[in-house]
Amino acid sequence: MKPKNSPKKPLRNAMMLSGAGLQMGITIYLGYKLGQWLDAKFSKTYFETLSTLSAVFLAIYMLIKQVIKINND
């Protein structure tokens, strides 16, 4: 059985969290671009805002799940 405080664990956790930050940014950006496309396609002005906010909430949810996973490892 591996000891809990292995020297590689903090580095692995930092790498996972930095990857989660990148994932968060990409999710929000793609939500924004989807909203822009929907606004242009349907000639509306609210899809960009709704899509971006939905992407922010989704990104936060995914980040919380990632942090919980890191804490349980």
N, C-alpha and C. Protein backbone atom coordinates (compact mmCIF):
# COMPACT_ATOMS: atom_id res chain seq x y z
N MET A 1 0.84 -1.18 0.00
CA MET A 1 0.00 0.00 0.00
C MET A 1 0.89 1.25 0.00
N LYS A 2 0.52 2.23 -0.80
CA LYS A 2 1.30 3.44 -0.96
C LYS A 2 1.04 4.40 0.21
N PRO A 3 2.08 5.04 0.73
CA PRO A 3 1.86 6.00 1.82
C PRO A 3 1.05 7.19 1.32
N LYS A 4 0.23 7.78 2.22
CA LYS A 4 -0.65 8.88 1.84
C LYS A 4 0.11 10.13 1.42
N ASN A 5 1.20 10.44 2.06
CA ASN A 5 1.94 11.67 1.81
C ASN A 5 3.12 11.43 0.89
N SER A 6 2.87 10.85 -0.27
CA SER A 6 3.97 10.62 -1.20
C SER A 6 4.43 11.95 -1.79
N PRO A 7 5.70 12.08 -2.11
CA PRO A 7 6.22 13.35 -2.61
C PRO A 7 5.64 13.77 -3.96
N LYS A 8 5.13 12.83 -4.73
CA LYS A 8 4.60 13.14 -6.05
C LYS A 8 3.15 13.65 -5.99
N LYS A 9 2.47 13.43 -4.88
CA LYS A 9 1.05 13.79 -4.80
C LYS A 9 0.80 15.30 -4.95
N PRO A 10 1.54 16.20 -4.28
CA PRO A 10 1.27 17.63 -4.46
C PRO A 10 1.48 18.09 -5.91
N LEU A 11 2.49 17.55 -6.58
CA LEU A 11 2.74 17.91 -7.96
C LEU A 11 1.60 17.42 -8.86
N ARG A 12 1.15 16.22 -8.61
CA ARG A 12 0.04 15.66 -9.40
C ARG A 12 -1.22 16.48 -9.19
N ASN A 13 -1.49 16.87 -7.94
CA ASN A 13 -2.68 17.68 -7.64
C ASN A 13 -2.59 19.05 -8.32
N ALA A 14 -1.42 19.65 -8.31
CA ALA A 14 -1.24 20.95 -8.95
C ALA A 14 -1.46 20.83 -10.45
N MET A 15 -0.97 19.77 -11.05
CA MET A 15 -1.16 19.58 -12.49
C MET A 15 -2.64 19.36 -12.82
N MET A 16 -3.34 18.61 -11.98
CA MET A 16 -4.76 18.37 -12.23
C MET A 16 -5.55 19.67 -12.10
N LEU A 17 -5.22 20.50 -11.12
CA LEU A 17 -5.94 21.75 -10.95
C LEU A 17 -5.63 22.74 -12.06
N SER A 18 -4.40 22.77 -12.55
CA SER A 18 -4.09 23.67 -13.66
C SER A 18 -4.81 23.21 -14.92
N GLY A 19 -4.93 21.94 -15.09
CA GLY A 19 -5.70 21.40 -16.22
C GLY A 19 -7.17 21.73 -16.09
N ALA A 20 -7.67 21.73 -14.86
CA ALA A 20 -9.07 22.07 -14.62
C ALA A 20 -9.32 23.54 -14.96
N GLY A 21 -8.35 24.41 -14.68
CA GLY A 21 -8.49 25.82 -15.02
C GLY A 21 -8.55 26.03 -16.52
N LEU A 22 -7.72 25.31 -17.24
CA LEU A 22 -7.74 25.38 -18.70
C LEU A 22 -9.07 24.86 -19.24
N GLN A 23 -9.54 23.77 -18.68
CA GLN A 23 -10.82 23.20 -19.08
C GLN A 23 -11.95 24.19 -18.83
N MET A 24 -11.89 24.90 -17.72
CA MET A 24 -12.89 25.90 -17.38
C MET A 24 -12.92 27.01 -18.43
N GLY A 25 -11.76 27.51 -18.78
CA GLY A 25 -11.68 28.58 -19.76
C GLY A 25 -12.20 28.16 -21.12
N ILE A 26 -11.85 26.96 -21.54
CA ILE A 26 -12.30 26.46 -22.84
C ILE A 26 -13.82 26.26 -22.85
N THR A 27 -14.37 25.74 -21.76
CA THR A 27 -15.81 25.53 -21.67
C THR A 27 -16.56 26.85 -21.78
N ILE A 28 -16.10 27.86 -21.06
CA ILE A 28 -16.77 29.16 -21.09
C ILE A 28 -16.64 29.79 -22.48
N TYR A 29 -15.47 29.69 -23.08
CA TYR A 29 -15.28 30.25 -24.42
C TYR A 29 -16.19 29.58 -25.44
N LEU A 30 -16.27 28.25 -25.38
CA LEU A 30 -17.12 27.54 -26.33
C LEU A 30 -18.59 27.88 -26.11
N GLY A 31 -19.01 28.06 -24.86
CA GLY A 31 -20.38 28.48 -24.58
C GLY A 31 -20.66 29.85 -25.17
N TYR A 32 -19.70 30.76 -25.05
CA TYR A 32 -19.83 32.10 -25.61
C TYR A 32 -19.96 32.05 -27.13
N LYS A 33 -19.08 31.26 -27.77
CA LYS A 33 -19.12 31.16 -29.23
C LYS A 33 -20.42 30.50 -29.71
N LEU A 34 -20.91 29.51 -28.97
CA LEU A 34 -22.19 28.88 -29.31
C LEU A 34 -23.31 29.91 -29.23
N GLY A 35 -23.30 30.73 -28.20
CA GLY A 35 -24.33 31.76 -28.06
C GLY A 35 -24.26 32.78 -29.19
N GLN A 36 -23.08 33.16 -29.59
CA GLN A 36 -22.94 34.08 -30.73
C GLN A 36 -23.53 33.46 -31.99
N TRP A 37 -23.22 32.20 -32.23
CA TRP A 37 -23.73 31.52 -33.41
C TRP A 37 -25.26 31.43 -33.38
N LEU A 38 -25.81 31.08 -32.20
CA LEU A 38 -27.27 30.99 -32.08
C LEU A 38 -27.93 32.35 -32.28
N ASP A 39 -27.33 33.41 -31.74
CA ASP A 39 -27.86 34.76 -31.94
C ASP A 39 -27.91 35.10 -33.43
N ALA A 40 -26.85 34.80 -34.15
CA ALA A 40 -26.80 35.10 -35.59
C ALA A 40 -27.80 34.25 -36.37
N LYS A 41 -27.90 32.98 -36.00
CA LYS A 41 -28.78 32.06 -36.74
C LYS A 41 -30.25 32.41 -36.56
N PHE A 42 -30.66 32.77 -35.35
CA PHE A 42 -32.07 33.02 -35.07
C PHE A 42 -32.41 34.51 -34.94
N SER A 43 -31.46 35.39 -35.21
CA SER A 43 -31.66 36.84 -35.13
C SER A 43 -32.22 37.27 -33.77
N LYS A 44 -31.64 36.76 -32.73
CA LYS A 44 -32.03 37.12 -31.36
C LYS A 44 -30.82 37.74 -30.66
N THR A 45 -31.02 38.25 -29.45
CA THR A 45 -29.91 38.89 -28.74
C THR A 45 -29.64 38.27 -27.38
N TYR A 46 -30.37 37.26 -26.99
CA TYR A 46 -30.21 36.73 -25.64
C TYR A 46 -29.52 35.37 -25.57
N PHE A 47 -29.32 34.71 -26.68
CA PHE A 47 -28.69 33.39 -26.66
C PHE A 47 -27.24 33.45 -26.18
N GLU A 48 -26.53 34.51 -26.56
CA GLU A 48 -25.14 34.64 -26.14
C GLU A 48 -25.03 34.70 -24.63
N THR A 49 -25.87 35.51 -24.00
CA THR A 49 -25.86 35.64 -22.55
C THR A 49 -26.25 34.34 -21.87
N LEU A 50 -27.33 33.72 -22.34
CA LEU A 50 -27.78 32.46 -21.74
C LEU A 50 -26.76 31.35 -21.89
N SER A 51 -26.18 31.25 -23.06
CA SER A 51 -25.20 30.20 -23.32
C SER A 51 -23.93 30.41 -22.50
N THR A 52 -23.49 31.65 -22.39
CA THR A 52 -22.28 31.94 -21.61
C THR A 52 -22.50 31.66 -20.13
N LEU A 53 -23.65 32.09 -19.60
CA LEU A 53 -23.94 31.82 -18.18
C LEU A 53 -24.07 30.32 -17.92
N SER A 54 -24.70 29.61 -18.84
CA SER A 54 -24.81 28.16 -18.68
C SER A 54 -23.43 27.51 -18.69
N ALA A 55 -22.55 28.00 -19.55
CA ALA A 55 -21.20 27.46 -19.62
C ALA A 55 -20.42 27.77 -18.34
N VAL A 56 -20.62 28.95 -17.76
CA VAL A 56 -19.96 29.29 -16.49
C VAL A 56 -20.41 28.34 -15.39
N PHE A 57 -21.71 28.12 -15.28
CA PHE A 57 -22.21 27.20 -14.26
C PHE A 57 -21.72 25.77 -14.49
N LEU A 58 -21.69 25.34 -15.74
CA LEU A 58 -21.17 24.01 -16.06
C LEU A 58 -19.69 23.90 -15.69
N ALA A 59 -18.92 24.94 -15.99
CA ALA A 59 -17.48 24.93 -15.69
C ALA A 59 -17.25 24.88 -14.18
N ILE A 60 -18.03 25.63 -13.42
CA ILE A 60 -17.89 25.61 -11.96
C ILE A 60 -18.26 24.23 -11.42
N TYR A 61 -19.32 23.64 -11.95
CA TYR A 61 -19.73 22.30 -11.53
C TYR A 61 -18.62 21.28 -11.80
N MET A 62 -18.02 21.35 -12.99
CA MET A 62 -16.94 20.42 -13.34
C MET A 62 -15.72 20.65 -12.45
N LEU A 63 -15.43 21.91 -12.11
CA LEU A 63 -14.30 22.21 -11.24
C LEU A 63 -14.53 21.65 -9.83
N ILE A 64 -15.74 21.81 -9.31
CA ILE A 64 -16.05 21.26 -7.99
C ILE A 64 -15.91 19.75 -7.98
N LYS A 65 -16.41 19.08 -9.04
CA LYS A 65 -16.25 17.63 -9.12
C LYS A 65 -14.78 17.23 -9.14
N GLN A 66 -13.97 18.00 -9.86
CA GLN A 66 -12.53 17.70 -9.94
C GLN A 66 -11.86 17.86 -8.59
N VAL A 67 -12.20 18.92 -7.85
CA VAL A 67 -11.62 19.15 -6.53
C VAL A 67 -12.03 18.04 -5.57
N ILE A 68 -13.28 17.63 -5.62
CA ILE A 68 -13.74 16.53 -4.76
C ILE A 68 -12.97 15.25 -5.08
N LYS A 69 -12.75 15.01 -6.37
CA LYS A 69 -11.99 13.82 -6.77
C LYS A 69 -10.56 13.88 -6.25
N ILE A 70 -9.93 15.06 -6.33
CA ILE A 70 -8.56 15.22 -5.84
C ILE A 70 -8.51 14.99 -4.33
N ASN A 71 -9.48 15.52 -3.61
CA ASN A 71 -9.48 15.36 -2.15
C ASN A 71 -9.72 13.92 -1.72
N ASN A 72 -10.44 13.16 -2.52
CA ASN A 72 -10.72 11.77 -2.17
C ASN A 72 -9.59 10.82 -2.52
N ASP A 73 -8.67 11.26 -3.38
CA ASP A 73 -7.53 10.39 -3.76
C ASP A 73 -6.51 10.31 -2.68
